[in-house]
Amino acid sequence: MSLQVFYNTRLAGTLHQYENSRISFEYSRDWADTADSFPISRSIPLSGNYERGTTDHRFFANLLPEAAARETIC
């Protein structure tokens, strides 16, 4: 599963979740190459991509909707 992450109308990157529940985040090239871009989280610097196991994804989990809406997209 993949979700696009936007800041206002700009695509910041894509969040991927794999069958083994591993998640990764990749900044879009346009976002990373723009002079006024910034990291979406201090734990996800622009200089690299985010990749963590199943238990350390609180930043993204906090951004998702709750209850039924979350079930729909997850």
PDB file of N, CA and C in Angstrom:
ATOM      1  N   MET A   1       0.842  -1.160   0.000  1.00  0.00           N
ATOM      2  CA  MET A   1       0.000   0.000   0.000  1.00  0.00           C
ATOM      3  C   MET A   1       0.894   1.231   0.000  1.00  0.00           C
ATOM      4  N   SER A   2       0.459   2.264  -0.670  1.00  0.00           N
ATOM      5  CA  SER A   2       1.193   3.524  -0.715  1.00  0.00           C
ATOM      6  C   SER A   2       0.236   4.688  -0.511  1.00  0.00           C
ATOM      7  N   LEU A   3       0.694   5.690   0.219  1.00  0.00           N
ATOM      8  CA  LEU A   3      -0.060   6.923   0.419  1.00  0.00           C
ATOM      9  C   LEU A   3       0.826   8.093   0.040  1.00  0.00           C
ATOM     10  N   GLN A   4       0.275   9.015  -0.733  1.00  0.00           N
ATOM     11  CA  GLN A   4       1.010  10.223  -1.058  1.00  0.00           C
ATOM     12  C   GLN A   4       0.856  11.205   0.096  1.00  0.00           C
ATOM     13  N   VAL A   5       1.944  11.897   0.434  1.00  0.00           N
ATOM     14  CA  VAL A   5       1.965  12.859   1.531  1.00  0.00           C
ATOM     15  C   VAL A   5       2.108  14.252   0.930  1.00  0.00           C
ATOM     16  N   PHE A   6       1.140  15.121   1.225  1.00  0.00           N
ATOM     17  CA  PHE A   6       1.122  16.475   0.675  1.00  0.00           C
ATOM     18  C   PHE A   6       1.311  17.513   1.772  1.00  0.00           C
ATOM     19  N   TYR A   7       1.920  18.632   1.420  1.00  0.00           N
ATOM     20  CA  TYR A   7       1.942  19.832   2.247  1.00  0.00           C
ATOM     21  C   TYR A   7       1.209  20.879   1.436  1.00  0.00           C
ATOM     22  N   ASN A   8       0.034  21.256   1.901  1.00  0.00           N
ATOM     23  CA  ASN A   8      -0.886  22.075   1.107  1.00  0.00           C
ATOM     24  C   ASN A   8      -1.137  21.339  -0.209  1.00  0.00           C
ATOM     25  N   THR A   9      -0.746  21.905  -1.329  1.00  0.00           N
ATOM     26  CA  THR A   9      -0.982  21.233  -2.611  1.00  0.00           C
ATOM     27  C   THR A   9       0.278  20.602  -3.192  1.00  0.00           C
ATOM     28  N   ARG A  10       1.393  20.693  -2.478  1.00  0.00           N
ATOM     29  CA  ARG A  10       2.666  20.144  -2.977  1.00  0.00           C
ATOM     30  C   ARG A  10       2.875  18.723  -2.480  1.00  0.00           C
ATOM     31  N   LEU A  11       3.241  17.853  -3.396  1.00  0.00           N
ATOM     32  CA  LEU A  11       3.573  16.480  -3.033  1.00  0.00           C
ATOM     33  C   LEU A  11       4.926  16.472  -2.327  1.00  0.00           C
ATOM     34  N   ALA A  12       4.924  16.034  -1.063  1.00  0.00           N
ATOM     35  CA  ALA A  12       6.175  15.954  -0.302  1.00  0.00           C
ATOM     36  C   ALA A  12       6.860  14.615  -0.519  1.00  0.00           C
ATOM     37  N   GLY A  13       6.069  13.557  -0.661  1.00  0.00           N
ATOM     38  CA  GLY A  13       6.656  12.240  -0.853  1.00  0.00           C
ATOM     39  C   GLY A  13       5.617  11.149  -0.776  1.00  0.00           C
ATOM     40  N   THR A  14       6.091   9.921  -0.664  1.00  0.00           N
ATOM     41  CA  THR A  14       5.206   8.758  -0.643  1.00  0.00           C
ATOM     42  C   THR A  14       5.579   7.852   0.520  1.00  0.00           C
ATOM     43  N   LEU A  15       4.555   7.453   1.256  1.00  0.00           N
ATOM     44  CA  LEU A  15       4.700   6.514   2.359  1.00  0.00           C
ATOM     45  C   LEU A  15       4.294   5.144   1.848  1.00  0.00           C
ATOM     46  N   HIS A  16       5.151   4.158   2.040  1.00  0.00           N
ATOM     47  CA  HIS A  16       4.878   2.792   1.589  1.00  0.00           C
ATOM     48  C   HIS A  16       4.763   1.877   2.797  1.00  0.00           C
ATOM     49  N   GLN A  17       3.781   0.974   2.776  1.00  0.00           N
ATOM     50  CA  GLN A  17       3.704  -0.089   3.779  1.00  0.00           C
ATOM     51  C   GLN A  17       3.731  -1.404   3.027  1.00  0.00           C
ATOM     52  N   TYR A  18       4.597  -2.295   3.473  1.00  0.00           N
ATOM     53  CA  TYR A  18       4.796  -3.571   2.803  1.00  0.00           C
ATOM     54  C   TYR A  18       4.060  -4.685   3.534  1.00  0.00           C
ATOM     55  N   GLU A  19       3.969  -5.848   2.917  1.00  0.00           N
ATOM     56  CA  GLU A  19       3.231  -6.979   3.488  1.00  0.00           C
ATOM     57  C   GLU A  19       3.739  -7.375   4.865  1.00  0.00           C
ATOM     58  N   ASN A  20       5.011  -7.177   5.128  1.00  0.00           N
ATOM     59  CA  ASN A  20       5.577  -7.528   6.434  1.00  0.00           C
ATOM     60  C   ASN A  20       5.399  -6.398   7.456  1.00  0.00           C
ATOM     61  N   SER A  21       4.569  -5.405   7.126  1.00  0.00           N
ATOM     62  CA  SER A  21       4.251  -4.239   7.968  1.00  0.00           C
ATOM     63  C   SER A  21       5.382  -3.225   8.060  1.00  0.00           C
ATOM     64  N   ARG A  22       6.482  -3.445   7.364  1.00  0.00           N
ATOM     65  CA  ARG A  22       7.566  -2.458   7.318  1.00  0.00           C
ATOM     66  C   ARG A  22       7.071  -1.239   6.555  1.00  0.00           C
ATOM     67  N   ILE A  23       7.472  -0.056   7.007  1.00  0.00           N
ATOM     68  CA  ILE A  23       7.094   1.155   6.294  1.00  0.00           C
ATOM     69  C   ILE A  23       8.342   1.902   5.854  1.00  0.00           C
ATOM     70  N   SER A  24       8.191   2.676   4.794  1.00  0.00           N
ATOM     71  CA  SER A  24       9.275   3.541   4.345  1.00  0.00           C
ATOM     72  C   SER A  24       8.658   4.812   3.781  1.00  0.00           C
ATOM     73  N   PHE A  25       9.423   5.878   3.797  1.00  0.00           N
ATOM     74  CA  PHE A  25       8.985   7.150   3.236  1.00  0.00           C
ATOM     75  C   PHE A  25      10.062   7.652   2.301  1.00  0.00           C
ATOM     76  N   GLU A  26       9.638   8.118   1.150  1.00  0.00           N
ATOM     77  CA  GLU A  26      10.573   8.661   0.163  1.00  0.00           C
ATOM     78  C   GLU A  26      10.085  10.043  -0.247  1.00  0.00           C
ATOM     79  N   TYR A  27      10.953  11.059  -0.080  1.00  0.00           N
ATOM     80  CA  TYR A  27      10.609  12.405  -0.532  1.00  0.00           C
ATOM     81  C   TYR A  27      10.503  12.428  -2.051  1.00  0.00           C
ATOM     82  N   SER A  28       9.574  13.227  -2.565  1.00  0.00           N
ATOM     83  CA  SER A  28       9.504  13.395  -4.017  1.00  0.00           C
ATOM     84  C   SER A  28      10.716  14.213  -4.454  1.00  0.00           C
ATOM     85  N   ARG A  29      11.155  13.990  -5.643  1.00  0.00           N
ATOM     86  CA  ARG A  29      12.328  14.702  -6.165  1.00  0.00           C
ATOM     87  C   ARG A  29      12.061  16.207  -6.199  1.00  0.00           C
ATOM     88  N   ASP A  30      10.857  16.604  -6.641  1.00  0.00           N
ATOM     89  CA  ASP A  30      10.521  18.030  -6.693  1.00  0.00           C
ATOM     90  C   ASP A  30      10.580  18.666  -5.308  1.00  0.00           C
ATOM     91  N   TRP A  31      10.071  17.958  -4.297  1.00  0.00           N
ATOM     92  CA  TRP A  31      10.091  18.486  -2.928  1.00  0.00           C
ATOM     93  C   TRP A  31      11.532  18.631  -2.434  1.00  0.00           C
ATOM     94  N   ALA A  32      12.306  17.607  -2.580  1.00  0.00           N
ATOM     95  CA  ALA A  32      13.671  17.603  -2.047  1.00  0.00           C
ATOM     96  C   ALA A  32      14.578  18.601  -2.760  1.00  0.00           C
ATOM     97  N   ASP A  33      14.318  18.872  -4.036  1.00  0.00           N
ATOM     98  CA  ASP A  33      15.191  19.746  -4.822  1.00  0.00           C
ATOM     99  C   ASP A  33      14.798  21.219  -4.782  1.00  0.00           C
ATOM    100  N   THR A  34      13.690  21.555  -4.121  1.00  0.00           N
ATOM    101  CA  THR A  34      13.236  22.939  -4.051  1.00  0.00           C
ATOM    102  C   THR A  34      13.931  23.654  -2.897  1.00  0.00           C
ATOM    103  N   ALA A  35      14.385  24.881  -3.141  1.00  0.00           N
ATOM    104  CA  ALA A  35      15.153  25.621  -2.133  1.00  0.00           C
ATOM    105  C   ALA A  35      14.371  25.863  -0.846  1.00  0.00           C
ATOM    106  N   ASP A  36      13.051  26.023  -0.924  1.00  0.00           N
ATOM    107  CA  ASP A  36      12.268  26.317   0.282  1.00  0.00           C
ATOM    108  C   ASP A  36      11.642  25.075   0.920  1.00  0.00           C
ATOM    109  N   SER A  37      12.062  23.895   0.507  1.00  0.00           N
ATOM    110  CA  SER A  37      11.517  22.675   1.111  1.00  0.00           C
ATOM    111  C   SER A  37      12.108  22.470   2.498  1.00  0.00           C
ATOM    112  N   PHE A  38      11.469  21.621   3.268  1.00  0.00           N
ATOM    113  CA  PHE A  38      11.891  21.344   4.637  1.00  0.00           C
ATOM    114  C   PHE A  38      11.518  19.911   4.976  1.00  0.00           C
ATOM    115  N   PRO A  39      12.157  19.317   5.976  1.00  0.00           N
ATOM    116  CA  PRO A  39      11.798  17.953   6.369  1.00  0.00           C
ATOM    117  C   PRO A  39      10.401  17.932   6.992  1.00  0.00           C
ATOM    118  N   ILE A  40       9.625  16.917   6.695  1.00  0.00           N
ATOM    119  CA  ILE A  40       8.280  16.829   7.265  1.00  0.00           C
ATOM    120  C   ILE A  40       8.326  16.458   8.740  1.00  0.00           C
ATOM    121  N   SER A  41       9.451  15.953   9.195  1.00  0.00           N
ATOM    122  CA  SER A  41       9.668  15.619  10.599  1.00  0.00           C
ATOM    123  C   SER A  41      11.164  15.711  10.881  1.00  0.00           C
ATOM    124  N   ARG A  42      11.517  16.057  12.106  1.00  0.00           N
ATOM    125  CA  ARG A  42      12.939  16.091  12.464  1.00  0.00           C
ATOM    126  C   ARG A  42      13.576  14.713  12.357  1.00  0.00           C
ATOM    127  N   SER A  43      12.758  13.685  12.474  1.00  0.00           N
ATOM    128  CA  SER A  43      13.287  12.315  12.398  1.00  0.00           C
ATOM    129  C   SER A  43      13.426  11.820  10.960  1.00  0.00           C
ATOM    130  N   ILE A  44      13.005  12.642   9.978  1.00  0.00           N
ATOM    131  CA  ILE A  44      13.085  12.245   8.567  1.00  0.00           C
ATOM    132  C   ILE A  44      13.774  13.367   7.787  1.00  0.00           C
ATOM    133  N   PRO A  45      15.093  13.448   7.847  1.00  0.00           N
ATOM    134  CA  PRO A  45      15.803  14.538   7.177  1.00  0.00           C
ATOM    135  C   PRO A  45      15.676  14.464   5.661  1.00  0.00           C
ATOM    136  N   LEU A  46      15.792  15.624   5.032  1.00  0.00           N
ATOM    137  CA  LEU A  46      15.735  15.679   3.565  1.00  0.00           C
ATOM    138  C   LEU A  46      16.890  14.927   2.920  1.00  0.00           C
ATOM    139  N   SER A  47      17.970  14.766   3.632  1.00  0.00           N
ATOM    140  CA  SER A  47      19.167  14.147   3.059  1.00  0.00           C
ATOM    141  C   SER A  47      19.042  12.649   2.842  1.00  0.00           C
ATOM    142  N   GLY A  48      17.994  12.042   3.383  1.00  0.00           N
ATOM    143  CA  GLY A  48      17.845  10.603   3.208  1.00  0.00           C
ATOM    144  C   GLY A  48      16.399  10.181   3.300  1.00  0.00           C
ATOM    145  N   ASN A  49      16.163   8.927   3.093  1.00  0.00           N
ATOM    146  CA  ASN A  49      14.817   8.383   3.169  1.00  0.00           C
ATOM    147  C   ASN A  49      14.605   7.699   4.502  1.00  0.00           C
ATOM    148  N   TYR A  50      13.387   7.679   4.937  1.00  0.00           N
ATOM    149  CA  TYR A  50      12.987   7.106   6.219  1.00  0.00           C
ATOM    150  C   TYR A  50      12.628   5.647   6.024  1.00  0.00           C
ATOM    151  N   GLU A  51      13.156   4.805   6.871  1.00  0.00           N
ATOM    152  CA  GLU A  51      12.766   3.394   6.822  1.00  0.00           C
ATOM    153  C   GLU A  51      12.865   2.832   8.222  1.00  0.00           C
ATOM    154  N   ARG A  52      11.762   2.317   8.719  1.00  0.00           N
ATOM    155  CA  ARG A  52      11.721   1.801  10.083  1.00  0.00           C
ATOM    156  C   ARG A  52      10.906   0.521  10.127  1.00  0.00           C
ATOM    157  N   GLY A  53      11.013  -0.147  11.231  1.00  0.00           N
ATOM    158  CA  GLY A  53      10.236  -1.361  11.461  1.00  0.00           C
ATOM    159  C   GLY A  53       8.803  -1.049  11.843  1.00  0.00           C
ATOM    160  N   THR A  54       8.115  -2.046  12.295  1.00  0.00           N
ATOM    161  CA  THR A  54       6.681  -1.910  12.540  1.00  0.00           C
ATOM    162  C   THR A  54       6.348  -1.106  13.785  1.00  0.00           C
ATOM    163  N   THR A  55       7.259  -0.969  14.727  1.00  0.00           N
ATOM    164  CA  THR A  55       6.906  -0.307  15.980  1.00  0.00           C
ATOM    165  C   THR A  55       7.273   1.166  16.027  1.00  0.00           C
ATOM    166  N   ASP A  56       8.095   1.638  15.132  1.00  0.00           N
ATOM    167  CA  ASP A  56       8.562   3.021  15.206  1.00  0.00           C
ATOM    168  C   ASP A  56       8.005   3.851  14.054  1.00  0.00           C
ATOM    169  N   HIS A  57       6.703   3.964  13.978  1.00  0.00           N
ATOM    170  CA  HIS A  57       6.083   4.750  12.919  1.00  0.00           C
ATOM    171  C   HIS A  57       5.043   5.706  13.491  1.00  0.00           C
ATOM    172  N   ARG A  58       5.269   6.163  14.717  1.00  0.00           N
ATOM    173  CA  ARG A  58       4.307   7.035  15.399  1.00  0.00           C
ATOM    174  C   ARG A  58       4.063   8.337  14.657  1.00  0.00           C
ATOM    175  N   PHE A  59       5.070   8.907  14.014  1.00  0.00           N
ATOM    176  CA  PHE A  59       4.877  10.166  13.298  1.00  0.00           C
ATOM    177  C   PHE A  59       3.770  10.022  12.264  1.00  0.00           C
ATOM    178  N   PHE A  60       3.835   8.980  11.453  1.00  0.00           N
ATOM    179  CA  PHE A  60       2.821   8.782  10.422  1.00  0.00           C
ATOM    180  C   PHE A  60       1.502   8.304  11.010  1.00  0.00           C
ATOM    181  N   ALA A  61       1.544   7.449  12.002  1.00  0.00           N
ATOM    182  CA  ALA A  61       0.314   6.954  12.631  1.00  0.00           C
ATOM    183  C   ALA A  61      -0.494   8.103  13.214  1.00  0.00           C
ATOM    184  N   ASN A  62       0.176   9.097  13.745  1.00  0.00           N
ATOM    185  CA  ASN A  62      -0.504  10.245  14.333  1.00  0.00           C
ATOM    186  C   ASN A  62      -1.206  11.104  13.282  1.00  0.00           C
ATOM    187  N   LEU A  63      -0.785  11.034  12.034  1.00  0.00           N
ATOM    188  CA  LEU A  63      -1.380  11.842  10.971  1.00  0.00           C
ATOM    189  C   LEU A  63      -2.612  11.195  10.345  1.00  0.00           C
ATOM    190  N   LEU A  64      -2.786   9.906  10.554  1.00  0.00           N
ATOM    191  CA  LEU A  64      -3.902   9.194   9.939  1.00  0.00           C
ATOM    192  C   LEU A  64      -5.194   9.440  10.701  1.00  0.00           C
ATOM    193  N   PRO A  65      -6.330   9.365  10.009  1.00  0.00           N
ATOM    194  CA  PRO A  65      -7.620   9.525  10.693  1.00  0.00           C
ATOM    195  C   PRO A  65      -7.876   8.372  11.652  1.00  0.00           C
ATOM    196  N   GLU A  66      -8.879   8.518  12.481  1.00  0.00           N
ATOM    197  CA  GLU A  66      -9.228   7.509  13.479  1.00  0.00           C
ATOM    198  C   GLU A  66     -10.348   6.598  12.983  1.00  0.00           C
ATOM    199  N   ALA A  67     -10.530   5.500  13.661  1.00  0.00           N
ATOM    200  CA  ALA A  67     -11.672   4.577  13.557  1.00  0.00           C
ATOM    201  C   ALA A  67     -11.963   4.137  12.124  1.00  0.00           C
ATOM    202  N   ALA A  68     -13.208   4.280  11.694  1.00  0.00           N
ATOM    203  CA  ALA A  68     -13.661   3.746  10.402  1.00  0.00           C
ATOM    204  C   ALA A  68     -12.911   4.362   9.225  1.00  0.00           C
ATOM    205  N   ALA A  69     -12.632   5.647   9.294  1.00  0.00           N
ATOM    206  CA  ALA A  69     -11.897   6.293   8.201  1.00  0.00           C
ATOM    207  C   ALA A  69     -10.501   5.694   8.063  1.00  0.00           C
ATOM    208  N   ARG A  70      -9.876   5.377   9.179  1.00  0.00           N
ATOM    209  CA  ARG A  70      -8.549   4.758   9.150  1.00  0.00           C
ATOM    210  C   ARG A  70      -8.627   3.361   8.547  1.00  0.00           C
ATOM    211  N   GLU A  71      -9.638   2.596   8.907  1.00  0.00           N
ATOM    212  CA  GLU A  71      -9.826   1.251   8.356  1.00  0.00           C
ATOM    213  C   GLU A  71     -10.002   1.303   6.842  1.00  0.00           C
ATOM    214  N   THR A  72     -10.659   2.334   6.349  1.00  0.00           N
ATOM    215  CA  THR A  72     -10.902   2.474   4.918  1.00  0.00           C
ATOM    216  C   THR A  72      -9.606   2.636   4.142  1.00  0.00           C
ATOM    217  N   ILE A  73      -8.676   3.438   4.668  1.00  0.00           N
ATOM    218  CA  ILE A  73      -7.439   3.687   3.922  1.00  0.00           C
ATOM    219  C   ILE A  73      -6.313   2.741   4.287  1.00  0.00           C
ATOM    220  N   CYS A  74      -6.422   2.046   5.396  1.00  0.00           N
ATOM    221  CA  CYS A  74      -5.362   1.119   5.801  1.00  0.00           C
ATOM    222  C   CYS A  74      -5.797  -0.292   5.522  1.00  0.00           C
TER     223      CYS A  74
END
